[in-house]
Amino acid sequence: MKTIKSVNVGSFVLYGAILSAFWTLVFGLIYWIVGWITGASSAYIDMNLANWTMFTFTTLIGVFGKALITAFAGAVGGLVVSLVYNIVAKTMGGLKINVE
């Protein structure tokens, strides 16, 4: 049995930021591609080249902007999780795991 008595706060912050930004990019790019494919069939939008180009670029830039915002939120989440873990592990003596 090995015991994890504390975790590195910096690595949890980095992990939270990268993980949340990654999944935001994955789902955002899927959203962008689906919108790009199906947007031309929309009856509510006058689809000329200028509107279509503006929609695609605005959506794509928005996906990257949201990834940056969620990266910050993920970093804060990683910070909170690591601090809480370190406090609880100090009280309980750590997390015991089997390593083979």
N, C-alpha and C. Protein backbone atom coordinates (compact mmCIF):
# COMPACT_ATOMS: atom_id res chain seq x y z
N MET A 1 0.83 -1.18 0.00
CA MET A 1 0.00 0.00 0.00
C MET A 1 0.87 1.24 0.00
N LYS A 2 0.59 2.13 -0.89
CA LYS A 2 1.25 3.43 -0.96
C LYS A 2 0.25 4.49 -0.53
N THR A 3 0.75 5.56 0.04
CA THR A 3 -0.12 6.62 0.53
C THR A 3 0.20 7.93 -0.19
N ILE A 4 -0.84 8.58 -0.70
CA ILE A 4 -0.70 9.91 -1.30
C ILE A 4 -1.08 10.91 -0.21
N LYS A 5 -0.09 11.58 0.35
CA LYS A 5 -0.34 12.50 1.46
C LYS A 5 -0.67 13.91 1.00
N SER A 6 -0.21 14.29 -0.18
CA SER A 6 -0.56 15.61 -0.72
C SER A 6 -0.34 15.58 -2.24
N VAL A 7 -0.95 16.54 -2.90
CA VAL A 7 -0.80 16.66 -4.35
C VAL A 7 -0.22 18.03 -4.67
N ASN A 8 0.41 18.12 -5.82
CA ASN A 8 0.98 19.38 -6.27
C ASN A 8 -0.15 20.27 -6.79
N VAL A 9 -0.32 21.42 -6.19
CA VAL A 9 -1.41 22.33 -6.55
C VAL A 9 -1.23 22.82 -7.99
N GLY A 10 -0.01 23.14 -8.38
CA GLY A 10 0.23 23.65 -9.73
C GLY A 10 -0.15 22.66 -10.81
N SER A 11 0.13 21.37 -10.59
CA SER A 11 -0.24 20.41 -11.63
C SER A 11 -1.74 20.21 -11.71
N PHE A 12 -2.44 20.33 -10.59
CA PHE A 12 -3.90 20.23 -10.65
C PHE A 12 -4.51 21.43 -11.36
N VAL A 13 -3.95 22.61 -11.15
CA VAL A 13 -4.43 23.81 -11.83
C VAL A 13 -4.21 23.67 -13.34
N LEU A 14 -3.03 23.23 -13.74
CA LEU A 14 -2.74 23.04 -15.15
C LEU A 14 -3.61 21.95 -15.76
N TYR A 15 -3.79 20.85 -15.05
CA TYR A 15 -4.63 19.75 -15.53
C TYR A 15 -6.07 20.21 -15.73
N GLY A 16 -6.61 20.94 -14.75
CA GLY A 16 -7.99 21.43 -14.87
C GLY A 16 -8.16 22.38 -16.03
N ALA A 17 -7.18 23.25 -16.25
CA ALA A 17 -7.26 24.21 -17.35
C ALA A 17 -7.21 23.50 -18.70
N ILE A 18 -6.27 22.58 -18.85
CA ILE A 18 -6.12 21.89 -20.14
C ILE A 18 -7.31 20.99 -20.42
N LEU A 19 -7.78 20.27 -19.41
CA LEU A 19 -8.90 19.35 -19.61
C LEU A 19 -10.17 20.09 -20.01
N SER A 20 -10.50 21.17 -19.32
CA SER A 20 -11.73 21.89 -19.66
C SER A 20 -11.62 22.60 -21.00
N ALA A 21 -10.45 23.16 -21.31
CA ALA A 21 -10.28 23.80 -22.62
C ALA A 21 -10.35 22.77 -23.74
N PHE A 22 -9.78 21.60 -23.52
CA PHE A 22 -9.81 20.55 -24.54
C PHE A 22 -11.24 20.13 -24.87
N TRP A 23 -12.03 19.84 -23.85
CA TRP A 23 -13.40 19.39 -24.12
C TRP A 23 -14.27 20.51 -24.68
N THR A 24 -14.00 21.74 -24.30
CA THR A 24 -14.73 22.86 -24.91
C THR A 24 -14.38 22.96 -26.39
N LEU A 25 -13.12 22.79 -26.73
CA LEU A 25 -12.73 22.82 -28.14
C LEU A 25 -13.35 21.67 -28.92
N VAL A 26 -13.34 20.49 -28.35
CA VAL A 26 -13.90 19.33 -29.05
C VAL A 26 -15.38 19.55 -29.36
N PHE A 27 -16.17 19.87 -28.32
CA PHE A 27 -17.60 20.06 -28.56
C PHE A 27 -17.89 21.34 -29.33
N GLY A 28 -17.08 22.36 -29.13
CA GLY A 28 -17.27 23.60 -29.88
C GLY A 28 -16.99 23.43 -31.36
N LEU A 29 -15.94 22.67 -31.69
CA LEU A 29 -15.65 22.44 -33.10
C LEU A 29 -16.71 21.56 -33.75
N ILE A 30 -17.25 20.61 -33.01
CA ILE A 30 -18.37 19.82 -33.54
C ILE A 30 -19.57 20.72 -33.80
N TYR A 31 -19.85 21.62 -32.85
CA TYR A 31 -20.94 22.58 -33.01
C TYR A 31 -20.70 23.46 -34.23
N TRP A 32 -19.45 23.91 -34.39
CA TRP A 32 -19.13 24.77 -35.52
C TRP A 32 -19.29 24.04 -36.84
N ILE A 33 -18.82 22.80 -36.91
CA ILE A 33 -18.93 22.02 -38.16
C ILE A 33 -20.38 21.72 -38.49
N VAL A 34 -21.16 21.32 -37.49
CA VAL A 34 -22.58 21.03 -37.74
C VAL A 34 -23.30 22.30 -38.18
N GLY A 35 -23.01 23.42 -37.54
CA GLY A 35 -23.61 24.68 -37.94
C GLY A 35 -23.19 25.10 -39.33
N TRP A 36 -21.96 24.81 -39.68
CA TRP A 36 -21.46 25.16 -41.00
C TRP A 36 -22.12 24.31 -42.07
N ILE A 37 -22.34 23.03 -41.77
CA ILE A 37 -22.95 22.12 -42.75
C ILE A 37 -24.44 22.41 -42.91
N THR A 38 -25.13 22.61 -41.79
CA THR A 38 -26.59 22.75 -41.85
C THR A 38 -27.05 24.20 -41.92
N GLY A 39 -26.16 25.15 -41.77
CA GLY A 39 -26.57 26.55 -41.74
C GLY A 39 -27.12 27.06 -43.05
N ALA A 40 -26.64 26.53 -44.15
CA ALA A 40 -27.10 27.00 -45.46
C ALA A 40 -28.55 26.63 -45.72
N SER A 41 -29.07 25.65 -45.00
CA SER A 41 -30.46 25.24 -45.22
C SER A 41 -31.43 25.99 -44.32
N SER A 42 -30.93 26.95 -43.55
CA SER A 42 -31.79 27.68 -42.64
C SER A 42 -32.72 28.61 -43.41
N ALA A 43 -34.00 28.54 -43.12
CA ALA A 43 -34.98 29.39 -43.79
C ALA A 43 -35.03 30.78 -43.17
N TYR A 44 -34.43 30.96 -42.00
CA TYR A 44 -34.52 32.23 -41.30
C TYR A 44 -33.36 33.18 -41.59
N ILE A 45 -32.35 32.70 -42.28
CA ILE A 45 -31.18 33.51 -42.54
C ILE A 45 -31.01 33.67 -44.04
N ASP A 46 -30.81 34.91 -44.47
CA ASP A 46 -30.52 35.17 -45.87
C ASP A 46 -29.07 34.79 -46.11
N MET A 47 -28.84 33.63 -46.68
CA MET A 47 -27.49 33.11 -46.81
C MET A 47 -26.83 33.59 -48.10
N ASN A 48 -26.16 34.70 -48.01
CA ASN A 48 -25.26 35.08 -49.09
C ASN A 48 -23.84 34.88 -48.58
N LEU A 49 -22.85 35.11 -49.42
CA LEU A 49 -21.47 34.81 -49.04
C LEU A 49 -21.00 35.63 -47.85
N ALA A 50 -21.39 36.89 -47.77
CA ALA A 50 -20.95 37.74 -46.66
C ALA A 50 -21.53 37.26 -45.34
N ASN A 51 -22.82 36.96 -45.30
CA ASN A 51 -23.44 36.46 -44.06
C ASN A 51 -22.85 35.11 -43.67
N TRP A 52 -22.67 34.24 -44.65
CA TRP A 52 -22.15 32.91 -44.37
C TRP A 52 -20.73 32.97 -43.82
N THR A 53 -19.89 33.79 -44.42
CA THR A 53 -18.51 33.93 -43.97
C THR A 53 -18.46 34.53 -42.58
N MET A 54 -19.29 35.55 -42.33
CA MET A 54 -19.31 36.18 -41.00
C MET A 54 -19.78 35.18 -39.95
N PHE A 55 -20.79 34.37 -40.27
CA PHE A 55 -21.28 33.37 -39.32
C PHE A 55 -20.19 32.36 -38.98
N THR A 56 -19.51 31.85 -39.98
CA THR A 56 -18.51 30.82 -39.72
C THR A 56 -17.32 31.36 -38.94
N PHE A 57 -16.85 32.54 -39.29
CA PHE A 57 -15.71 33.10 -38.57
C PHE A 57 -16.09 33.52 -37.16
N THR A 58 -17.25 34.10 -36.98
CA THR A 58 -17.70 34.50 -35.65
C THR A 58 -17.86 33.28 -34.75
N THR A 59 -18.45 32.24 -35.27
CA THR A 59 -18.64 31.03 -34.48
C THR A 59 -17.30 30.38 -34.14
N LEU A 60 -16.40 30.31 -35.09
CA LEU A 60 -15.09 29.70 -34.84
C LEU A 60 -14.30 30.50 -33.80
N ILE A 61 -14.29 31.81 -33.92
CA ILE A 61 -13.60 32.65 -32.94
C ILE A 61 -14.27 32.52 -31.57
N GLY A 62 -15.59 32.40 -31.56
CA GLY A 62 -16.31 32.21 -30.30
C GLY A 62 -15.95 30.90 -29.62
N VAL A 63 -15.72 29.86 -30.39
CA VAL A 63 -15.33 28.57 -29.82
C VAL A 63 -13.99 28.70 -29.10
N PHE A 64 -13.03 29.37 -29.73
CA PHE A 64 -11.72 29.54 -29.10
C PHE A 64 -11.81 30.47 -27.89
N GLY A 65 -12.65 31.49 -27.97
CA GLY A 65 -12.85 32.38 -26.82
C GLY A 65 -13.46 31.65 -25.64
N LYS A 66 -14.44 30.80 -25.90
CA LYS A 66 -15.05 30.03 -24.82
C LYS A 66 -14.09 29.01 -24.24
N ALA A 67 -13.21 28.48 -25.08
CA ALA A 67 -12.19 27.55 -24.57
C ALA A 67 -11.26 28.25 -23.59
N LEU A 68 -10.91 29.49 -23.87
CA LEU A 68 -10.06 30.25 -22.94
C LEU A 68 -10.79 30.53 -21.63
N ILE A 69 -12.07 30.86 -21.73
CA ILE A 69 -12.86 31.14 -20.52
C ILE A 69 -12.99 29.87 -19.68
N THR A 70 -13.29 28.75 -20.32
CA THR A 70 -13.42 27.51 -19.55
C THR A 70 -12.08 27.02 -19.04
N ALA A 71 -10.99 27.38 -19.71
CA ALA A 71 -9.66 27.03 -19.20
C ALA A 71 -9.42 27.73 -17.86
N PHE A 72 -9.83 28.99 -17.77
CA PHE A 72 -9.70 29.71 -16.51
C PHE A 72 -10.58 29.07 -15.44
N ALA A 73 -11.81 28.72 -15.79
CA ALA A 73 -12.71 28.08 -14.83
C ALA A 73 -12.15 26.71 -14.41
N GLY A 74 -11.58 25.97 -15.33
CA GLY A 74 -10.98 24.68 -15.00
C GLY A 74 -9.77 24.84 -14.09
N ALA A 75 -9.00 25.90 -14.30
CA ALA A 75 -7.85 26.16 -13.43
C ALA A 75 -8.31 26.47 -12.01
N VAL A 76 -9.36 27.25 -11.88
CA VAL A 76 -9.91 27.54 -10.55
C VAL A 76 -10.45 26.27 -9.91
N GLY A 77 -11.13 25.44 -10.71
CA GLY A 77 -11.62 24.16 -10.20
C GLY A 77 -10.49 23.25 -9.74
N GLY A 78 -9.41 23.18 -10.52
CA GLY A 78 -8.25 22.38 -10.12
C GLY A 78 -7.61 22.90 -8.85
N LEU A 79 -7.58 24.22 -8.70
CA LEU A 79 -7.04 24.83 -7.49
C LEU A 79 -7.87 24.44 -6.27
N VAL A 80 -9.18 24.56 -6.38
CA VAL A 80 -10.07 24.23 -5.27
C VAL A 80 -9.96 22.75 -4.91
N VAL A 81 -9.98 21.87 -5.91
CA VAL A 81 -9.90 20.43 -5.66
C VAL A 81 -8.59 20.06 -4.97
N SER A 82 -7.48 20.61 -5.46
CA SER A 82 -6.19 20.26 -4.86
C SER A 82 -6.06 20.80 -3.44
N LEU A 83 -6.54 22.00 -3.19
CA LEU A 83 -6.47 22.55 -1.84
C LEU A 83 -7.34 21.75 -0.86
N VAL A 84 -8.54 21.40 -1.30
CA VAL A 84 -9.42 20.60 -0.44
C VAL A 84 -8.81 19.23 -0.20
N TYR A 85 -8.25 18.61 -1.25
CA TYR A 85 -7.63 17.30 -1.06
C TYR A 85 -6.49 17.38 -0.06
N ASN A 86 -5.65 18.38 -0.19
CA ASN A 86 -4.51 18.50 0.72
C ASN A 86 -4.97 18.71 2.17
N ILE A 87 -6.02 19.47 2.37
CA ILE A 87 -6.55 19.68 3.73
C ILE A 87 -7.11 18.38 4.30
N VAL A 88 -7.91 17.68 3.50
CA VAL A 88 -8.51 16.42 3.96
C VAL A 88 -7.43 15.35 4.16
N ALA A 89 -6.46 15.28 3.26
CA ALA A 89 -5.40 14.28 3.39
C ALA A 89 -4.55 14.54 4.62
N LYS A 90 -4.35 15.80 4.96
CA LYS A 90 -3.59 16.11 6.17
C LYS A 90 -4.35 15.63 7.41
N THR A 91 -5.67 15.76 7.37
CA THR A 91 -6.50 15.34 8.50
C THR A 91 -6.58 13.82 8.60
N MET A 92 -6.75 13.14 7.46
CA MET A 92 -6.96 11.69 7.46
C MET A 92 -5.68 10.88 7.29
N GLY A 93 -4.60 11.51 6.92
CA GLY A 93 -3.36 10.77 6.73
C GLY A 93 -3.09 10.39 5.29
N GLY A 94 -3.93 10.77 4.38
CA GLY A 94 -3.69 10.50 2.96
C GLY A 94 -4.60 9.43 2.40
N LEU A 95 -4.45 9.22 1.11
CA LEU A 95 -5.24 8.23 0.36
C LEU A 95 -4.35 7.02 0.13
N LYS A 96 -4.80 5.86 0.58
CA LYS A 96 -4.02 4.64 0.42
C LYS A 96 -4.46 3.91 -0.85
N ILE A 97 -3.48 3.58 -1.70
CA ILE A 97 -3.76 2.87 -2.93
C ILE A 97 -2.82 1.70 -3.08
N ASN A 98 -3.26 0.68 -3.80
CA ASN A 98 -2.42 -0.47 -4.14
C ASN A 98 -1.77 -0.20 -5.48
N VAL A 99 -0.45 -0.30 -5.53
CA VAL A 99 0.29 -0.14 -6.76
C VAL A 99 1.01 -1.45 -7.03
N GLU A 100 0.75 -2.02 -8.19
CA GLU A 100 1.38 -3.29 -8.54
C GLU A 100 2.46 -3.09 -9.57
